[in-house]
Amino acid sequence: MFKKASFFIAAGLLAVAPVQADLFEPEDAVKYRQALYQTFASQMSVMGAMLQGNIEFDAAEINRRATNMANTAVMMGDTYFPATRGVETSNMRDRAWENMSDFQAKGAAFGEALTALVEQSSQSDFSLRDARSAVGAVQRSCRSCHDDYRAR
């Protein structure tokens, strides 16, 4: 199951195909992409608050939040197609399009870290220590891509 879930998350993030252009106008795809990233941010903020001790740690809640992210991640591929490159409101730097293989590798790393978090947090012995490691891996994968490919 772990490998299967990882495949679907990574595939959703990495799909850059012409068919998406038929589903969305480029501006709408960028708005949709940004909304999906907001979902990631809201889920990560709750998990981060738990790790910092601002909210009581709850392994089941970590799993729910990670699963929400995984379910969202599979929709990301619909929002990445070449016509979105020139959309003014996009935060995606041109260098992502110019180095798509690295961009996709970072997406795959995110998918792997997220899949590991979903899997680990579903275990009955998932602890705060485990959460710090697994959530931290997801955060690092996000930061890695944002540092290189997200405009501020």
N, C-alpha and C. Protein backbone atom coordinates (compact mmCIF):
# COMPACT_ATOMS: atom_id res chain seq x y z
N MET A 1 0.82 -1.19 0.00
CA MET A 1 0.00 0.00 0.00
C MET A 1 0.86 1.25 0.00
N PHE A 2 1.95 1.23 0.78
CA PHE A 2 2.83 2.37 0.89
C PHE A 2 3.35 2.79 -0.48
N LYS A 3 3.86 1.85 -1.27
CA LYS A 3 4.40 2.18 -2.58
C LYS A 3 3.30 2.64 -3.53
N LYS A 4 2.14 2.04 -3.43
CA LYS A 4 1.03 2.42 -4.29
C LYS A 4 0.58 3.85 -4.00
N ALA A 5 0.44 4.19 -2.72
CA ALA A 5 0.04 5.54 -2.35
C ALA A 5 1.09 6.55 -2.79
N SER A 6 2.36 6.22 -2.61
CA SER A 6 3.44 7.10 -3.02
C SER A 6 3.38 7.36 -4.52
N PHE A 7 3.12 6.31 -5.29
CA PHE A 7 3.02 6.47 -6.73
C PHE A 7 1.92 7.44 -7.11
N PHE A 8 0.75 7.31 -6.50
CA PHE A 8 -0.37 8.17 -6.85
C PHE A 8 -0.13 9.62 -6.43
N ILE A 9 0.48 9.84 -5.29
CA ILE A 9 0.79 11.20 -4.86
C ILE A 9 1.80 11.82 -5.82
N ALA A 10 2.89 11.11 -6.09
CA ALA A 10 3.92 11.63 -6.98
C ALA A 10 3.36 11.86 -8.38
N ALA A 11 2.56 10.94 -8.88
CA ALA A 11 1.99 11.09 -10.21
C ALA A 11 1.08 12.32 -10.28
N GLY A 12 0.33 12.56 -9.25
CA GLY A 12 -0.54 13.73 -9.22
C GLY A 12 0.25 15.02 -9.24
N LEU A 13 1.35 15.05 -8.54
CA LEU A 13 2.18 16.24 -8.50
C LEU A 13 2.95 16.47 -9.78
N LEU A 14 3.31 15.41 -10.45
CA LEU A 14 4.24 15.52 -11.56
C LEU A 14 3.60 15.57 -12.93
N ALA A 15 2.34 15.28 -13.01
CA ALA A 15 1.71 15.23 -14.31
C ALA A 15 1.69 16.62 -14.94
N VAL A 16 2.36 16.76 -16.04
CA VAL A 16 2.34 18.00 -16.81
C VAL A 16 2.01 17.57 -18.23
N ALA A 17 0.74 17.61 -18.56
CA ALA A 17 0.31 17.09 -19.86
C ALA A 17 -0.62 18.07 -20.54
N PRO A 18 -0.69 18.03 -21.87
CA PRO A 18 -1.53 18.95 -22.61
C PRO A 18 -3.01 18.86 -22.27
N VAL A 19 -3.48 17.72 -21.80
CA VAL A 19 -4.91 17.58 -21.52
C VAL A 19 -5.39 18.57 -20.46
N GLN A 20 -4.50 18.96 -19.52
CA GLN A 20 -4.91 19.89 -18.49
C GLN A 20 -5.33 21.23 -19.08
N ALA A 21 -4.73 21.62 -20.17
CA ALA A 21 -5.08 22.87 -20.81
C ALA A 21 -6.54 22.88 -21.26
N ASP A 22 -7.10 21.71 -21.51
CA ASP A 22 -8.50 21.61 -21.89
C ASP A 22 -9.43 21.71 -20.68
N LEU A 23 -8.90 21.46 -19.49
CA LEU A 23 -9.72 21.47 -18.29
C LEU A 23 -9.86 22.86 -17.69
N PHE A 24 -8.82 23.67 -17.79
CA PHE A 24 -8.78 24.97 -17.13
C PHE A 24 -8.19 26.03 -18.05
N GLU A 25 -8.68 27.24 -17.89
CA GLU A 25 -7.97 28.39 -18.44
C GLU A 25 -6.72 28.55 -17.58
N PRO A 26 -5.62 29.02 -18.13
CA PRO A 26 -4.39 29.13 -17.34
C PRO A 26 -4.55 29.92 -16.04
N GLU A 27 -5.26 31.03 -16.06
CA GLU A 27 -5.45 31.83 -14.86
C GLU A 27 -6.24 31.06 -13.80
N ASP A 28 -7.23 30.31 -14.23
CA ASP A 28 -8.01 29.50 -13.30
C ASP A 28 -7.18 28.37 -12.71
N ALA A 29 -6.32 27.78 -13.52
CA ALA A 29 -5.45 26.71 -13.03
C ALA A 29 -4.51 27.22 -11.95
N VAL A 30 -4.00 28.44 -12.14
CA VAL A 30 -3.10 29.02 -11.13
C VAL A 30 -3.86 29.30 -9.84
N LYS A 31 -5.07 29.82 -9.94
CA LYS A 31 -5.89 30.05 -8.74
C LYS A 31 -6.17 28.73 -8.02
N TYR A 32 -6.49 27.72 -8.77
CA TYR A 32 -6.75 26.39 -8.21
C TYR A 32 -5.50 25.85 -7.53
N ARG A 33 -4.35 25.97 -8.21
CA ARG A 33 -3.08 25.52 -7.64
C ARG A 33 -2.81 26.23 -6.32
N GLN A 34 -3.00 27.53 -6.30
CA GLN A 34 -2.76 28.30 -5.08
C GLN A 34 -3.71 27.89 -3.96
N ALA A 35 -4.93 27.58 -4.30
CA ALA A 35 -5.89 27.11 -3.29
C ALA A 35 -5.45 25.75 -2.72
N LEU A 36 -4.95 24.88 -3.58
CA LEU A 36 -4.46 23.58 -3.11
C LEU A 36 -3.26 23.76 -2.19
N TYR A 37 -2.37 24.68 -2.54
CA TYR A 37 -1.23 24.95 -1.66
C TYR A 37 -1.68 25.56 -0.33
N GLN A 38 -2.74 26.34 -0.34
CA GLN A 38 -3.30 26.87 0.92
C GLN A 38 -3.80 25.72 1.80
N THR A 39 -4.37 24.71 1.17
CA THR A 39 -4.81 23.53 1.92
C THR A 39 -3.60 22.87 2.57
N PHE A 40 -2.51 22.72 1.83
CA PHE A 40 -1.28 22.16 2.42
C PHE A 40 -0.85 23.00 3.62
N ALA A 41 -0.83 24.31 3.43
CA ALA A 41 -0.35 25.20 4.49
C ALA A 41 -1.20 25.10 5.74
N SER A 42 -2.51 25.03 5.57
CA SER A 42 -3.38 24.96 6.75
C SER A 42 -3.20 23.63 7.48
N GLN A 43 -3.01 22.56 6.75
CA GLN A 43 -2.80 21.26 7.39
C GLN A 43 -1.45 21.23 8.11
N MET A 44 -0.43 21.78 7.46
CA MET A 44 0.91 21.82 8.07
C MET A 44 0.93 22.71 9.30
N SER A 45 0.14 23.78 9.30
CA SER A 45 0.16 24.68 10.46
C SER A 45 -0.38 23.99 11.71
N VAL A 46 -1.39 23.15 11.55
CA VAL A 46 -1.92 22.41 12.70
C VAL A 46 -0.87 21.41 13.19
N MET A 47 -0.26 20.69 12.27
CA MET A 47 0.76 19.72 12.67
C MET A 47 1.94 20.43 13.33
N GLY A 48 2.34 21.56 12.78
CA GLY A 48 3.44 22.31 13.35
C GLY A 48 3.12 22.80 14.76
N ALA A 49 1.89 23.23 14.97
CA ALA A 49 1.49 23.68 16.31
C ALA A 49 1.56 22.53 17.31
N MET A 50 1.22 21.32 16.88
CA MET A 50 1.35 20.15 17.75
C MET A 50 2.81 19.89 18.09
N LEU A 51 3.67 19.97 17.09
CA LEU A 51 5.08 19.69 17.31
C LEU A 51 5.74 20.72 18.21
N GLN A 52 5.22 21.94 18.18
CA GLN A 52 5.76 23.01 19.01
C GLN A 52 5.13 23.03 20.41
N GLY A 53 4.14 22.18 20.63
CA GLY A 53 3.51 22.14 21.94
C GLY A 53 2.41 23.16 22.14
N ASN A 54 2.01 23.85 21.08
CA ASN A 54 0.94 24.84 21.17
C ASN A 54 -0.45 24.19 21.17
N ILE A 55 -0.51 22.98 20.65
CA ILE A 55 -1.72 22.17 20.63
C ILE A 55 -1.30 20.79 21.14
N GLU A 56 -2.17 20.14 21.86
CA GLU A 56 -1.85 18.81 22.38
C GLU A 56 -1.59 17.84 21.21
N PHE A 57 -0.54 17.04 21.34
CA PHE A 57 -0.21 16.06 20.31
C PHE A 57 -1.30 15.02 20.22
N ASP A 58 -1.69 14.71 18.99
CA ASP A 58 -2.72 13.72 18.71
C ASP A 58 -2.32 13.01 17.42
N ALA A 59 -1.84 11.79 17.53
CA ALA A 59 -1.36 11.04 16.37
C ALA A 59 -2.45 10.85 15.32
N ALA A 60 -3.67 10.60 15.76
CA ALA A 60 -4.77 10.41 14.81
C ALA A 60 -5.03 11.70 14.03
N GLU A 61 -4.87 12.83 14.69
CA GLU A 61 -5.07 14.11 14.02
C GLU A 61 -3.94 14.38 13.03
N ILE A 62 -2.72 14.01 13.38
CA ILE A 62 -1.60 14.12 12.43
C ILE A 62 -1.92 13.29 11.19
N ASN A 63 -2.39 12.07 11.40
CA ASN A 63 -2.72 11.19 10.28
C ASN A 63 -3.84 11.80 9.43
N ARG A 64 -4.82 12.37 10.07
CA ARG A 64 -5.93 12.99 9.32
C ARG A 64 -5.42 14.16 8.48
N ARG A 65 -4.59 14.98 9.07
CA ARG A 65 -4.05 16.14 8.35
C ARG A 65 -3.14 15.70 7.21
N ALA A 66 -2.31 14.71 7.45
CA ALA A 66 -1.42 14.20 6.40
C ALA A 66 -2.23 13.56 5.27
N THR A 67 -3.28 12.85 5.63
CA THR A 67 -4.15 12.23 4.63
C THR A 67 -4.86 13.30 3.81
N ASN A 68 -5.30 14.37 4.46
CA ASN A 68 -5.90 15.49 3.72
C ASN A 68 -4.92 16.03 2.68
N MET A 69 -3.67 16.17 3.08
CA MET A 69 -2.65 16.66 2.15
C MET A 69 -2.45 15.68 1.00
N ALA A 70 -2.39 14.39 1.32
CA ALA A 70 -2.20 13.38 0.27
C ALA A 70 -3.37 13.40 -0.71
N ASN A 71 -4.57 13.54 -0.20
CA ASN A 71 -5.74 13.59 -1.09
C ASN A 71 -5.73 14.85 -1.96
N THR A 72 -5.19 15.92 -1.44
CA THR A 72 -5.06 17.16 -2.20
C THR A 72 -3.95 17.06 -3.23
N ALA A 73 -2.85 16.44 -2.85
CA ALA A 73 -1.67 16.36 -3.71
C ALA A 73 -1.98 15.71 -5.06
N VAL A 74 -2.87 14.75 -5.08
CA VAL A 74 -3.15 14.07 -6.35
C VAL A 74 -3.85 14.99 -7.35
N MET A 75 -4.36 16.12 -6.89
CA MET A 75 -5.03 17.06 -7.79
C MET A 75 -4.07 18.09 -8.39
N MET A 76 -2.85 18.15 -7.86
CA MET A 76 -1.92 19.19 -8.29
C MET A 76 -1.55 19.10 -9.77
N GLY A 77 -1.46 17.90 -10.30
CA GLY A 77 -1.06 17.74 -11.69
C GLY A 77 -1.97 18.46 -12.67
N ASP A 78 -3.23 18.64 -12.31
CA ASP A 78 -4.17 19.35 -13.18
C ASP A 78 -3.80 20.82 -13.34
N THR A 79 -2.96 21.34 -12.47
CA THR A 79 -2.69 22.77 -12.47
C THR A 79 -1.36 23.16 -13.08
N TYR A 80 -0.55 22.17 -13.45
CA TYR A 80 0.75 22.45 -14.04
C TYR A 80 0.73 22.11 -15.51
N PHE A 81 0.62 23.11 -16.35
CA PHE A 81 0.76 22.91 -17.78
C PHE A 81 1.38 24.19 -18.35
N PRO A 82 2.08 24.07 -19.48
CA PRO A 82 2.89 25.18 -19.98
C PRO A 82 2.18 26.53 -20.11
N ALA A 83 0.91 26.53 -20.41
CA ALA A 83 0.20 27.81 -20.57
C ALA A 83 0.10 28.59 -19.26
N THR A 84 0.34 27.94 -18.12
CA THR A 84 0.31 28.66 -16.85
C THR A 84 1.61 29.42 -16.59
N ARG A 85 2.60 29.18 -17.40
CA ARG A 85 3.92 29.79 -17.19
C ARG A 85 3.86 31.32 -17.18
N GLY A 86 3.10 31.91 -18.02
CA GLY A 86 3.07 33.37 -18.11
C GLY A 86 2.01 34.05 -17.28
N VAL A 87 1.29 33.30 -16.46
CA VAL A 87 0.22 33.91 -15.66
C VAL A 87 0.85 34.80 -14.59
N GLU A 88 0.44 36.06 -14.59
CA GLU A 88 1.05 37.07 -13.72
C GLU A 88 0.93 36.74 -12.24
N THR A 89 -0.17 36.14 -11.82
CA THR A 89 -0.37 35.86 -10.40
C THR A 89 0.31 34.57 -9.92
N SER A 90 0.95 33.87 -10.83
CA SER A 90 1.64 32.64 -10.45
C SER A 90 2.90 32.96 -9.66
N ASN A 91 3.15 32.15 -8.64
CA ASN A 91 4.37 32.30 -7.85
C ASN A 91 5.47 31.37 -8.33
N MET A 92 5.22 30.68 -9.41
CA MET A 92 6.19 29.71 -9.93
C MET A 92 7.20 30.44 -10.81
N ARG A 93 8.46 30.31 -10.45
CA ARG A 93 9.52 30.95 -11.23
C ARG A 93 9.71 30.24 -12.56
N ASP A 94 10.15 31.01 -13.55
CA ASP A 94 10.41 30.43 -14.87
C ASP A 94 11.43 29.30 -14.80
N ARG A 95 12.35 29.39 -13.86
CA ARG A 95 13.40 28.36 -13.79
C ARG A 95 12.83 26.97 -13.50
N ALA A 96 11.62 26.90 -12.93
CA ALA A 96 10.99 25.59 -12.74
C ALA A 96 10.68 24.96 -14.09
N TRP A 97 10.18 25.77 -15.01
CA TRP A 97 9.88 25.27 -16.35
C TRP A 97 11.16 24.95 -17.10
N GLU A 98 12.20 25.71 -16.82
CA GLU A 98 13.48 25.51 -17.50
C GLU A 98 14.23 24.29 -16.96
N ASN A 99 13.92 23.88 -15.75
CA ASN A 99 14.57 22.72 -15.14
C ASN A 99 13.49 21.77 -14.61
N MET A 100 12.61 21.37 -15.49
CA MET A 100 11.45 20.57 -15.11
C MET A 100 11.85 19.25 -14.45
N SER A 101 12.95 18.66 -14.87
CA SER A 101 13.33 17.38 -14.26
C SER A 101 13.66 17.57 -12.77
N ASP A 102 14.33 18.64 -12.41
CA ASP A 102 14.61 18.89 -10.99
C ASP A 102 13.34 19.26 -10.24
N PHE A 103 12.50 20.07 -10.86
CA PHE A 103 11.22 20.44 -10.25
C PHE A 103 10.39 19.18 -9.97
N GLN A 104 10.34 18.28 -10.92
CA GLN A 104 9.61 17.03 -10.75
C GLN A 104 10.25 16.14 -9.69
N ALA A 105 11.58 16.13 -9.63
CA ALA A 105 12.27 15.35 -8.60
C ALA A 105 11.92 15.87 -7.21
N LYS A 106 11.83 17.18 -7.07
CA LYS A 106 11.44 17.76 -5.78
C LYS A 106 9.99 17.42 -5.46
N GLY A 107 9.13 17.39 -6.47
CA GLY A 107 7.75 16.96 -6.26
C GLY A 107 7.68 15.50 -5.83
N ALA A 108 8.53 14.68 -6.42
CA ALA A 108 8.57 13.26 -6.04
C ALA A 108 9.06 13.11 -4.60
N ALA A 109 10.05 13.91 -4.21
CA ALA A 109 10.56 13.85 -2.83
C ALA A 109 9.46 14.26 -1.85
N PHE A 110 8.68 15.27 -2.20
CA PHE A 110 7.54 15.67 -1.37
C PHE A 110 6.55 14.52 -1.26
N GLY A 111 6.22 13.90 -2.39
CA GLY A 111 5.28 12.78 -2.39
C GLY A 111 5.76 11.62 -1.53
N GLU A 112 7.04 11.33 -1.59
CA GLU A 112 7.60 10.25 -0.78
C GLU A 112 7.55 10.58 0.71
N ALA A 113 7.91 11.82 1.06
CA ALA A 113 7.89 12.23 2.46
C ALA A 113 6.46 12.25 2.99
N LEU A 114 5.53 12.72 2.19
CA LEU A 114 4.14 12.77 2.61
C LEU A 114 3.55 11.37 2.75
N THR A 115 3.87 10.50 1.82
CA THR A 115 3.39 9.12 1.90
C THR A 115 3.94 8.44 3.16
N ALA A 116 5.21 8.69 3.45
CA ALA A 116 5.81 8.12 4.67
C ALA A 116 5.10 8.65 5.91
N LEU A 117 4.77 9.93 5.93
CA LEU A 117 4.06 10.51 7.07
C LEU A 117 2.68 9.87 7.23
N VAL A 118 1.96 9.71 6.14
CA VAL A 118 0.63 9.08 6.21
C VAL A 118 0.76 7.67 6.76
N GLU A 119 1.70 6.91 6.23
CA GLU A 119 1.89 5.53 6.65
C GLU A 119 2.32 5.45 8.12
N GLN A 120 3.33 6.21 8.49
CA GLN A 120 3.85 6.15 9.86
C GLN A 120 2.81 6.62 10.87
N SER A 121 2.08 7.68 10.54
CA SER A 121 1.12 8.23 11.49
C SER A 121 -0.12 7.34 11.65
N SER A 122 -0.26 6.35 10.81
CA SER A 122 -1.38 5.41 10.95
C SER A 122 -1.06 4.28 11.93
N GLN A 123 0.20 4.19 12.35
CA GLN A 123 0.63 3.13 13.26
C GLN A 123 0.24 3.47 14.70
N SER A 124 -0.13 2.48 15.46
CA SER A 124 -0.59 2.70 16.84
C SER A 124 0.50 3.24 17.76
N ASP A 125 1.75 3.02 17.40
CA ASP A 125 2.84 3.49 18.26
C ASP A 125 3.49 4.78 17.76
N PHE A 126 2.82 5.50 16.88
CA PHE A 126 3.34 6.77 16.34
C PHE A 126 3.43 7.79 17.47
N SER A 127 4.64 8.28 17.71
CA SER A 127 4.89 9.16 18.85
C SER A 127 5.20 10.59 18.39
N LEU A 128 5.29 11.47 19.36
CA LEU A 128 5.67 12.86 19.07
C LEU A 128 7.06 12.88 18.42
N ARG A 129 7.95 12.07 18.89
CA ARG A 129 9.29 12.00 18.30
C ARG A 129 9.21 11.56 16.84
N ASP A 130 8.41 10.54 16.57
CA ASP A 130 8.21 10.09 15.18
C ASP A 130 7.62 11.21 14.33
N ALA A 131 6.66 11.92 14.91
CA ALA A 131 5.99 13.02 14.19
C ALA A 131 6.99 14.11 13.83
N ARG A 132 7.85 14.44 14.77
CA ARG A 132 8.84 15.49 14.49
C ARG A 132 9.70 15.11 13.29
N SER A 133 10.09 13.87 13.23
CA SER A 133 10.93 13.41 12.13
C SER A 133 10.15 13.39 10.81
N ALA A 134 8.97 12.80 10.82
CA ALA A 134 8.20 12.62 9.58
C ALA A 134 7.63 13.95 9.07
N VAL A 135 7.08 14.75 9.96
CA VAL A 135 6.56 16.06 9.54
C VAL A 135 7.72 16.94 9.09
N GLY A 136 8.85 16.84 9.80
CA GLY A 136 10.03 17.60 9.40
C GLY A 136 10.50 17.25 8.00
N ALA A 137 10.42 16.00 7.62
CA ALA A 137 10.80 15.59 6.27
C ALA A 137 9.88 16.22 5.23
N VAL A 138 8.59 16.29 5.53
CA VAL A 138 7.65 16.94 4.60
C VAL A 138 7.99 18.43 4.51
N GLN A 139 8.21 19.07 5.65
CA GLN A 139 8.54 20.50 5.65
C GLN A 139 9.81 20.77 4.85
N ARG A 140 10.83 19.94 5.02
CA ARG A 140 12.07 20.13 4.28
C ARG A 140 11.86 19.97 2.78
N SER A 141 11.00 19.02 2.40
CA SER A 141 10.75 18.84 0.96
C SER A 141 10.01 20.05 0.38
N CYS A 142 9.11 20.61 1.15
CA CYS A 142 8.41 21.83 0.71
C CYS A 142 9.42 22.97 0.54
N ARG A 143 10.21 23.17 1.57
CA ARG A 143 11.18 24.28 1.57
C ARG A 143 12.17 24.14 0.41
N SER A 144 12.60 22.92 0.13
CA SER A 144 13.55 22.69 -0.95
C SER A 144 13.02 23.20 -2.28
N CYS A 145 11.78 22.91 -2.56
CA CYS A 145 11.18 23.36 -3.81
C CYS A 145 10.91 24.87 -3.78
N HIS A 146 10.38 25.35 -2.67
CA HIS A 146 10.07 26.79 -2.57
C HIS A 146 11.33 27.63 -2.70
N ASP A 147 12.42 27.19 -2.08
CA ASP A 147 13.66 27.96 -2.16
C ASP A 147 14.13 28.13 -3.60
N ASP A 148 13.95 27.10 -4.40
CA ASP A 148 14.44 27.15 -5.78
C ASP A 148 13.41 27.67 -6.79
N TYR A 149 12.14 27.40 -6.54
CA TYR A 149 11.17 27.60 -7.62
C TYR A 149 9.96 28.48 -7.29
N ARG A 150 9.87 28.99 -6.09
CA ARG A 150 8.73 29.85 -5.74
C ARG A 150 9.19 31.28 -5.62
N ALA A 151 8.53 32.17 -6.34
CA ALA A 151 8.81 33.60 -6.25
C ALA A 151 8.15 34.15 -4.99
N ARG A 152 8.78 35.09 -4.37
CA ARG A 152 8.23 35.71 -3.15
C ARG A 152 7.56 37.01 -3.47
